[in-house]
PDB file of N, CA and C in Angstrom:
ATOM      1  N   MET A   1       2.709   2.353  10.506  1.00  0.00           N
ATOM      2  CA  MET A   1       2.707   3.535   9.222  1.00  0.00           C
ATOM      3  C   MET A   1       3.312   4.812  10.211  1.00  0.00           C
ATOM      4  N   LYS A   2       3.881   5.439   9.223  1.00  0.00           N
ATOM      5  CA  LYS A   2       4.910   6.935   9.116  1.00  0.00           C
ATOM      6  C   LYS A   2       3.719   7.500   9.171  1.00  0.00           C
ATOM      7  N   CYS A   3       4.069   8.556   9.753  1.00  0.00           N
ATOM      8  CA  CYS A   3       2.619   9.864   9.946  1.00  0.00           C
ATOM      9  C   CYS A   3       2.841  10.697   9.102  1.00  0.00           C
ATOM     10  N   PRO A   4       2.030  10.652   8.354  1.00  0.00           N
ATOM     11  CA  PRO A   4       1.597  11.698   6.933  1.00  0.00           C
ATOM     12  C   PRO A   4       2.091  12.789   7.589  1.00  0.00           C
ATOM     13  N   MET A   5       1.627  13.398   8.748  1.00  0.00           N
ATOM     14  CA  MET A   5       1.532  14.891   8.702  1.00  0.00           C
ATOM     15  C   MET A   5       2.530  15.503   9.043  1.00  0.00           C
ATOM     16  N   CYS A   6       3.734  14.740   9.779  1.00  0.00           N
ATOM     17  CA  CYS A   6       5.241  15.307  10.733  1.00  0.00           C
ATOM     18  C   CYS A   6       5.953  14.020   9.594  1.00  0.00           C
ATOM     19  N   GLY A   7       5.412  13.680   8.684  1.00  0.00           N
ATOM     20  CA  GLY A   7       6.699  12.332   7.815  1.00  0.00           C
ATOM     21  C   GLY A   7       7.345  11.588   8.650  1.00  0.00           C
ATOM     22  N   GLY A   8       7.099  11.202   9.883  1.00  0.00           N
ATOM     23  CA  GLY A   8       8.089  10.010  10.760  1.00  0.00           C
ATOM     24  C   GLY A   8       8.772  10.780  11.863  1.00  0.00           C
ATOM     25  N   ILE A   9       8.565  12.250  11.794  1.00  0.00           N
ATOM     26  CA  ILE A   9       9.739  12.991  12.349  1.00  0.00           C
ATOM     27  C   ILE A   9       9.365  13.399  13.882  1.00  0.00           C
ATOM     28  N   GLY A  10       7.719  13.310  14.369  1.00  0.00           N
ATOM     29  CA  GLY A  10       7.281  13.443  15.208  1.00  0.00           C
ATOM     30  C   GLY A  10       6.778  15.231  16.094  1.00  0.00           C
ATOM     31  N   LEU A  11       7.687  15.861  15.557  1.00  0.00           N
ATOM     32  CA  LEU A  11       7.814  17.335  15.182  1.00  0.00           C
ATOM     33  C   LEU A  11       6.601  18.034  14.456  1.00  0.00           C
ATOM     34  N   THR A  12       6.429  18.793  14.532  1.00  0.00           N
ATOM     35  CA  THR A  12       5.504  19.952  13.997  1.00  0.00           C
ATOM     36  C   THR A  12       6.774  20.728  13.191  1.00  0.00           C
ATOM     37  N   ASP A  13       6.084  22.094  11.843  1.00  0.00           N
ATOM     38  CA  ASP A  13       7.137  22.575  11.459  1.00  0.00           C
ATOM     39  C   ASP A  13       8.629  22.951  11.593  1.00  0.00           C
ATOM     40  N   LEU A  14       9.669  21.958  11.680  1.00  0.00           N
ATOM     41  CA  LEU A  14      11.160  22.691  12.147  1.00  0.00           C
ATOM     42  C   LEU A  14      11.220  24.195  11.823  1.00  0.00           C
ATOM     43  N   HIS A  15      10.892  24.703  11.573  1.00  0.00           N
ATOM     44  CA  HIS A  15      10.908  26.037  11.351  1.00  0.00           C
ATOM     45  C   HIS A  15      10.346  27.394  11.321  1.00  0.00           C
ATOM     46  N   THR A  16       9.975  26.968  12.586  1.00  0.00           N
ATOM     47  CA  THR A  16       9.289  28.318  13.393  1.00  0.00           C
ATOM     48  C   THR A  16       9.462  28.381  14.875  1.00  0.00           C
ATOM     49  N   PRO A  17       8.963  29.173  15.306  1.00  0.00           N
ATOM     50  CA  PRO A  17      10.092  28.900  16.587  1.00  0.00           C
ATOM     51  C   PRO A  17       8.505  28.630  17.739  1.00  0.00           C
ATOM     52  N   ASN A  18       7.676  27.752  17.359  1.00  0.00           N
ATOM     53  CA  ASN A  18       6.962  27.275  18.360  1.00  0.00           C
ATOM     54  C   ASN A  18       6.520  25.147  17.501  1.00  0.00           C
ATOM     55  N   VAL A  19       8.234  24.919  17.836  1.00  0.00           N
ATOM     56  CA  VAL A  19       8.265  23.940  16.971  1.00  0.00           C
ATOM     57  C   VAL A  19       7.847  22.362  18.393  1.00  0.00           C
ATOM     58  N   GLY A  20       6.523  21.966  18.041  1.00  0.00           N
ATOM     59  CA  GLY A  20       5.945  21.145  19.402  1.00  0.00           C
ATOM     60  C   GLY A  20       5.817  19.874  18.425  1.00  0.00           C
ATOM     61  N   ARG A  21       5.849  18.100  19.647  1.00  0.00           N
ATOM     62  CA  ARG A  21       4.852  17.131  18.740  1.00  0.00           C
ATOM     63  C   ARG A  21       3.543  17.236  18.289  1.00  0.00           C
ATOM     64  N   CYS A  22       4.183  16.408  17.346  1.00  0.00           N
ATOM     65  CA  CYS A  22       3.285  16.703  16.104  1.00  0.00           C
ATOM     66  C   CYS A  22       1.060  16.406  16.728  1.00  0.00           C
ATOM     67  N   ILE A  23       0.629  16.475  16.685  1.00  0.00           N
ATOM     68  CA  ILE A  23      -0.534  16.319  16.863  1.00  0.00           C
ATOM     69  C   ILE A  23      -1.246  15.302  16.148  1.00  0.00           C
ATOM     70  N   LYS A  24      -0.822  14.870  15.202  1.00  0.00           N
ATOM     71  CA  LYS A  24      -1.648  13.380  14.846  1.00  0.00           C
ATOM     72  C   LYS A  24      -0.741  12.309  15.329  1.00  0.00           C
ATOM     73  N   CYS A  25       0.006  12.198  15.358  1.00  0.00           N
ATOM     74  CA  CYS A  25       1.300  10.687  16.146  1.00  0.00           C
ATOM     75  C   CYS A  25       1.717  11.028  17.491  1.00  0.00           C
ATOM     76  N   ASN A  26       0.946  12.293  18.395  1.00  0.00           N
ATOM     77  CA  ASN A  26       1.856  12.338  19.629  1.00  0.00           C
ATOM     78  C   ASN A  26       3.019  12.430  19.825  1.00  0.00           C
ATOM     79  N   GLY A  27       4.281  12.739  18.753  1.00  0.00           N
ATOM     80  CA  GLY A  27       5.264  12.891  18.720  1.00  0.00           C
ATOM     81  C   GLY A  27       5.905  11.781  18.040  1.00  0.00           C
ATOM     82  N   SER A  28       5.553  10.254  18.246  1.00  0.00           N
ATOM     83  CA  SER A  28       6.374   8.892  18.306  1.00  0.00           C
ATOM     84  C   SER A  28       6.799   8.971  16.343  1.00  0.00           C
ATOM     85  N   GLY A  29       5.984   9.720  15.687  1.00  0.00           N
ATOM     86  CA  GLY A  29       6.408   9.279  14.161  1.00  0.00           C
ATOM     87  C   GLY A  29       5.621   8.437  13.443  1.00  0.00           C
ATOM     88  N   GLU A  30       4.924   7.911  14.790  1.00  0.00           N
ATOM     89  CA  GLU A  30       3.917   6.656  13.877  1.00  0.00           C
ATOM     90  C   GLU A  30       2.591   6.313  13.671  1.00  0.00           C
ATOM     91  N   ILE A  31       1.974   5.652  13.716  1.00  0.00           N
ATOM     92  CA  ILE A  31      -0.037   6.382  13.435  1.00  0.00           C
ATOM     93  C   ILE A  31      -0.191   5.195  13.290  1.00  0.00           C
ATOM     94  N   GLU A  32      -1.372   4.258  13.695  1.00  0.00           N
ATOM     95  CA  GLU A  32      -2.358   3.072  13.229  1.00  0.00           C
ATOM     96  C   GLU A  32      -2.810   3.269  12.577  1.00  0.00           C
ATOM     97  N   GLN A  33      -3.078   2.877  11.066  1.00  0.00           N
ATOM     98  CA  GLN A  33      -3.279   2.990  10.169  1.00  0.00           C
ATOM     99  C   GLN A  33      -5.501   1.709  10.046  1.00  0.00           C
ATOM    100  N   THR A  34      -6.026   1.979  10.163  1.00  0.00           N
ATOM    101  CA  THR A  34      -6.826   0.667   9.614  1.00  0.00           C
ATOM    102  C   THR A  34      -7.277   0.158   8.463  1.00  0.00           C
ATOM    103  N   ASN A  35      -7.482  -0.897   8.413  1.00  0.00           N
ATOM    104  CA  ASN A  35      -7.894  -1.663   6.614  1.00  0.00           C
ATOM    105  C   ASN A  35      -8.162  -1.012   6.035  1.00  0.00           C
ATOM    106  N   GLU A  36      -9.544   0.170   6.362  1.00  0.00           N
ATOM    107  CA  GLU A  36     -10.597   1.376   5.158  1.00  0.00           C
ATOM    108  C   GLU A  36      -9.959   2.252   4.486  1.00  0.00           C
ATOM    109  N   GLU A  37      -8.520   2.774   5.579  1.00  0.00           N
ATOM    110  CA  GLU A  37      -7.014   4.122   5.405  1.00  0.00           C
ATOM    111  C   GLU A  37      -6.559   3.067   4.557  1.00  0.00           C
ATOM    112  N   TRP A  38      -5.961   1.975   4.396  1.00  0.00           N
ATOM    113  CA  TRP A  38      -4.919   1.707   3.876  1.00  0.00           C
ATOM    114  C   TRP A  38      -5.646   1.044   2.285  1.00  0.00           C
ATOM    115  N   PHE A  39      -6.840   0.456   2.147  1.00  0.00           N
ATOM    116  CA  PHE A  39      -7.311  -0.013   1.479  1.00  0.00           C
ATOM    117  C   PHE A  39      -7.877   1.430   0.143  1.00  0.00           C
ATOM    118  N   CYS A  40      -8.069   2.724   1.151  1.00  0.00           N
ATOM    119  CA  CYS A  40      -8.889   4.398   0.221  1.00  0.00           C
ATOM    120  C   CYS A  40      -6.991   4.632  -0.483  1.00  0.00           C
ATOM    121  N   SER A  41      -6.184   4.022   0.287  1.00  0.00           N
ATOM    122  CA  SER A  41      -4.763   4.718  -0.465  1.00  0.00           C
ATOM    123  C   SER A  41      -4.049   4.072  -1.596  1.00  0.00           C
ATOM    124  N   LEU A  42      -4.907   3.560  -1.960  1.00  0.00           N
ATOM    125  CA  LEU A  42      -4.217   1.759  -2.998  1.00  0.00           C
ATOM    126  C   LEU A  42      -4.872   3.021  -4.370  1.00  0.00           C
ATOM    127  N   PRO A  43      -3.958   2.253  -5.776  1.00  0.00           N
ATOM    128  CA  PRO A  43      -4.811   3.044  -6.416  1.00  0.00           C
ATOM    129  C   PRO A  43      -5.786   2.367  -7.335  1.00  0.00           C
ATOM    130  N   THR A  44      -6.903   2.355  -8.463  1.00  0.00           N
ATOM    131  CA  THR A  44      -8.067   1.602  -8.637  1.00  0.00           C
ATOM    132  C   THR A  44      -7.197   0.694  -8.916  1.00  0.00           C
ATOM    133  N   LYS A  45      -6.425  -0.314  -9.377  1.00  0.00           N
ATOM    134  CA  LYS A  45      -6.106  -1.068  -9.793  1.00  0.00           C
ATOM    135  C   LYS A  45      -5.662  -2.639  -9.297  1.00  0.00           C
ATOM    136  N   GLU A  46      -4.945  -2.075  -7.929  1.00  0.00           N
ATOM    137  CA  GLU A  46      -4.115  -2.196  -7.100  1.00  0.00           C
ATOM    138  C   GLU A  46      -5.051  -2.378  -5.680  1.00  0.00           C
ATOM    139  N   LYS A  47      -6.587  -1.493  -5.465  1.00  0.00           N
ATOM    140  CA  LYS A  47      -7.637  -1.971  -4.656  1.00  0.00           C
ATOM    141  C   LYS A  47      -8.451  -2.810  -6.072  1.00  0.00           C
ATOM    142  N   ALA A  48      -8.631  -3.772  -6.646  1.00  0.00           N
ATOM    143  CA  ALA A  48      -9.720  -4.190  -7.532  1.00  0.00           C
ATOM    144  C   ALA A  48      -8.959  -5.835  -7.130  1.00  0.00           C
ATOM    145  N   LYS A  49      -7.464  -5.501  -7.491  1.00  0.00           N
ATOM    146  CA  LYS A  49      -6.304  -6.588  -7.024  1.00  0.00           C
ATOM    147  C   LYS A  49      -6.427  -6.995  -5.454  1.00  0.00           C
ATOM    148  N   GLU A  50      -6.470  -6.663  -4.557  1.00  0.00           N
ATOM    149  CA  GLU A  50      -6.802  -6.718  -3.319  1.00  0.00           C
ATOM    150  C   GLU A  50      -7.885  -6.889  -2.338  1.00  0.00           C
ATOM    151  N   MET A  51      -9.232  -6.706  -3.241  1.00  0.00           N
ATOM    152  CA  MET A  51     -10.266  -6.954  -3.225  1.00  0.00           C
ATOM    153  C   MET A  51     -10.652  -8.509  -3.385  1.00  0.00           C
ATOM    154  N   CYS A  52      -9.831  -8.648  -4.495  1.00  0.00           N
ATOM    155  CA  CYS A  52     -10.468 -10.343  -4.092  1.00  0.00           C
ATOM    156  C   CYS A  52      -9.447 -11.403  -4.071  1.00  0.00           C
ATOM    157  N   VAL A  53      -7.889 -10.858  -3.392  1.00  0.00           N
ATOM    158  CA  VAL A  53      -7.702 -11.387  -1.865  1.00  0.00           C
ATOM    159  C   VAL A  53      -8.285 -11.559  -0.473  1.00  0.00           C
ATOM    160  N   ILE A  54      -8.563 -10.073  -0.502  1.00  0.00           N
ATOM    161  CA  ILE A  54     -10.020  -9.840   0.404  1.00  0.00           C
ATOM    162  C   ILE A  54     -10.782 -10.966   0.814  1.00  0.00           C
ATOM    163  N   MET A  55     -11.348 -10.941  -0.010  1.00  0.00           N
ATOM    164  CA  MET A  55     -12.599 -11.503  -0.418  1.00  0.00           C
ATOM    165  C   MET A  55     -12.716 -13.550  -0.243  1.00  0.00           C
ATOM    166  N   ALA A  56     -11.574 -13.441  -1.463  1.00  0.00           N
ATOM    167  CA  ALA A  56     -11.132 -15.214  -1.187  1.00  0.00           C
ATOM    168  C   ALA A  56     -11.035 -15.814   0.445  1.00  0.00           C
ATOM    169  N   ASP A  57     -10.138 -14.112   0.711  1.00  0.00           N
ATOM    170  CA  ASP A  57      -9.838 -15.210   2.891  1.00  0.00           C
ATOM    171  C   ASP A  57     -10.629 -15.253   2.905  1.00  0.00           C
ATOM    172  N   MET A  58     -11.925 -14.719   2.971  1.00  0.00           N
ATOM    173  CA  MET A  58     -13.199 -13.909   4.288  1.00  0.00           C
ATOM    174  C   MET A  58     -13.725 -15.583   3.571  1.00  0.00           C
ATOM    175  N   ALA A  59     -14.297 -15.660   2.366  1.00  0.00           N
ATOM    176  CA  ALA A  59     -15.123 -17.072   2.058  1.00  0.00           C
ATOM    177  C   ALA A  59     -14.156 -17.810   2.647  1.00  0.00           C
ATOM    178  N   GLU A  60     -12.821 -18.079   2.516  1.00  0.00           N
ATOM    179  CA  GLU A  60     -12.354 -19.608   3.084  1.00  0.00           C
ATOM    180  C   GLU A  60     -12.522 -19.824   4.416  1.00  0.00           C
ATOM    181  N   ALA A  61     -11.837 -18.247   5.265  1.00  0.00           N
ATOM    182  CA  ALA A  61     -12.255 -18.506   6.075  1.00  0.00           C
ATOM    183  C   ALA A  61     -13.622 -19.127   6.996  1.00  0.00           C
ATOM    184  N   ASN A  62     -14.842 -18.853   6.584  1.00  0.00           N
ATOM    185  CA  ASN A  62     -15.806 -18.416   7.147  1.00  0.00           C
ATOM    186  C   ASN A  62     -16.623 -19.266   6.054  1.00  0.00           C
ATOM    187  N   ASP A  63     -16.422 -20.601   5.387  1.00  0.00           N
ATOM    188  CA  ASP A  63     -17.227 -21.753   4.489  1.00  0.00           C
ATOM    189  C   ASP A  63     -17.914 -20.706   3.457  1.00  0.00           C
ATOM    190  N   GLY A  64     -16.868 -19.762   3.306  1.00  0.00           N
ATOM    191  CA  GLY A  64     -17.101 -19.538   1.716  1.00  0.00           C
ATOM    192  C   GLY A  64     -18.732 -18.820   2.061  1.00  0.00           C
ATOM    193  N   ILE A  65     -18.607 -18.067   2.974  1.00  0.00           N
ATOM    194  CA  ILE A  65     -19.443 -16.806   3.285  1.00  0.00           C
ATOM    195  C   ILE A  65     -18.554 -15.518   3.772  1.00  0.00           C
ATOM    196  N   TRP A  66     -19.409 -14.955   3.808  1.00  0.00           N
ATOM    197  CA  TRP A  66     -19.446 -13.279   4.075  1.00  0.00           C
ATOM    198  C   TRP A  66     -20.342 -12.244   3.833  1.00  0.00           C
ATOM    199  N   ASP A  67     -20.578 -11.282   4.961  1.00  0.00           N
ATOM    200  CA  ASP A  67     -21.318 -10.747   5.457  1.00  0.00           C
ATOM    201  C   ASP A  67     -21.364  -8.986   4.998  1.00  0.00           C
ATOM    202  N   GLU A  68     -21.581  -7.742   5.216  1.00  0.00           N
ATOM    203  CA  GLU A  68     -21.784  -7.286   5.035  1.00  0.00           C
ATOM    204  C   GLU A  68     -20.843  -6.691   5.864  1.00  0.00           C
ATOM    205  N   GLU A  69     -21.551  -7.082   7.094  1.00  0.00           N
ATOM    206  CA  GLU A  69     -21.108  -6.751   8.708  1.00  0.00           C
ATOM    207  C   GLU A  69     -19.482  -7.730   8.739  1.00  0.00           C
ATOM    208  N   MET A  70     -19.299  -8.809   7.978  1.00  0.00           N
ATOM    209  CA  MET A  70     -18.029  -9.126   7.843  1.00  0.00           C
ATOM    210  C   MET A  70     -16.692  -7.656   7.565  1.00  0.00           C
ATOM    211  N   ILE A  71     -17.556  -7.330   6.671  1.00  0.00           N
ATOM    212  CA  ILE A  71     -16.773  -6.745   5.425  1.00  0.00           C
ATOM    213  C   ILE A  71     -16.453  -5.344   5.881  1.00  0.00           C
ATOM    214  N   GLU A  72     -17.125  -4.964   7.114  1.00  0.00           N
ATOM    215  CA  GLU A  72     -17.629  -3.930   7.455  1.00  0.00           C
ATOM    216  C   GLU A  72     -16.445  -3.218   8.923  1.00  0.00           C
ATOM    217  N   GLU A  73     -16.097  -5.080   9.510  1.00  0.00           N
ATOM    218  CA  GLU A  73     -15.283  -5.223  10.625  1.00  0.00           C
ATOM    219  C   GLU A  73     -14.253  -5.200  10.325  1.00  0.00           C
ATOM    220  N   TRP A  74     -13.860  -5.752   8.996  1.00  0.00           N
ATOM    221  CA  TRP A  74     -12.579  -6.150   8.699  1.00  0.00           C
ATOM    222  C   TRP A  74     -11.918  -4.679   8.388  1.00  0.00           C
ATOM    223  N   LEU A  75     -12.979  -3.651   7.881  1.00  0.00           N
ATOM    224  CA  LEU A  75     -12.681  -2.893   7.398  1.00  0.00           C
ATOM    225  C   LEU A  75     -12.648  -1.211   8.779  1.00  0.00           C
ATOM    226  N   LYS A  76     -12.102  -1.946   9.693  1.00  0.00           N
ATOM    227  CA  LYS A  76     -12.558  -0.915  11.125  1.00  0.00           C
ATOM    228  C   LYS A  76     -11.034  -1.460  11.388  1.00  0.00           C
ATOM    229  N   GLU A  77     -10.512  -2.860  11.171  1.00  0.00           N
ATOM    230  CA  GLU A  77      -9.937  -3.358  12.146  1.00  0.00           C
ATOM    231  C   GLU A  77      -8.174  -2.837  11.566  1.00  0.00           C
ATOM    232  N   GLU A  78      -6.953  -2.770  12.888  1.00  0.00           N
ATOM    233  CA  GLU A  78      -6.070  -1.815  12.878  1.00  0.00           C
ATOM    234  C   GLU A  78      -5.196  -2.770  10.734  1.00  0.00           C
ATOM    235  N   HIS A  79      -4.998  -1.502  10.096  1.00  0.00           N
ATOM    236  CA  HIS A  79      -4.191  -2.733   8.784  1.00  0.00           C
ATOM    237  C   HIS A  79      -2.984  -3.475   9.564  1.00  0.00           C
ATOM    238  N   HIS A  80      -2.523  -4.966   8.920  1.00  0.00           N
ATOM    239  CA  HIS A  80      -0.884  -4.725   9.310  1.00  0.00           C
ATOM    240  C   HIS A  80      -0.222  -5.242   7.331  1.00  0.00           C
ATOM    241  N   GLU A  81       1.134  -4.570   7.921  1.00  0.00           N
ATOM    242  CA  GLU A  81       1.934  -5.460   6.398  1.00  0.00           C
ATOM    243  C   GLU A  81       1.871  -6.345   6.254  1.00  0.00           C
TER     244      GLU A  81
END
């Protein structure tokens, strides 16, 4: 995902004399985002829609069973579009 701190350019404020690499993405312009960060960025309606998909996928992959630990692990995983 594009770094929100530098806007994907990898540099700090271009209008100051102390231009340097962005501290969030280390100059790459990209950051890894967890599923939790991605989920929290969604509007409420999209969260509800995605939650239905996520829970159905977990149940299908685990014989209809899911628990708090599975959800916690999913939230910590890197998000892939």
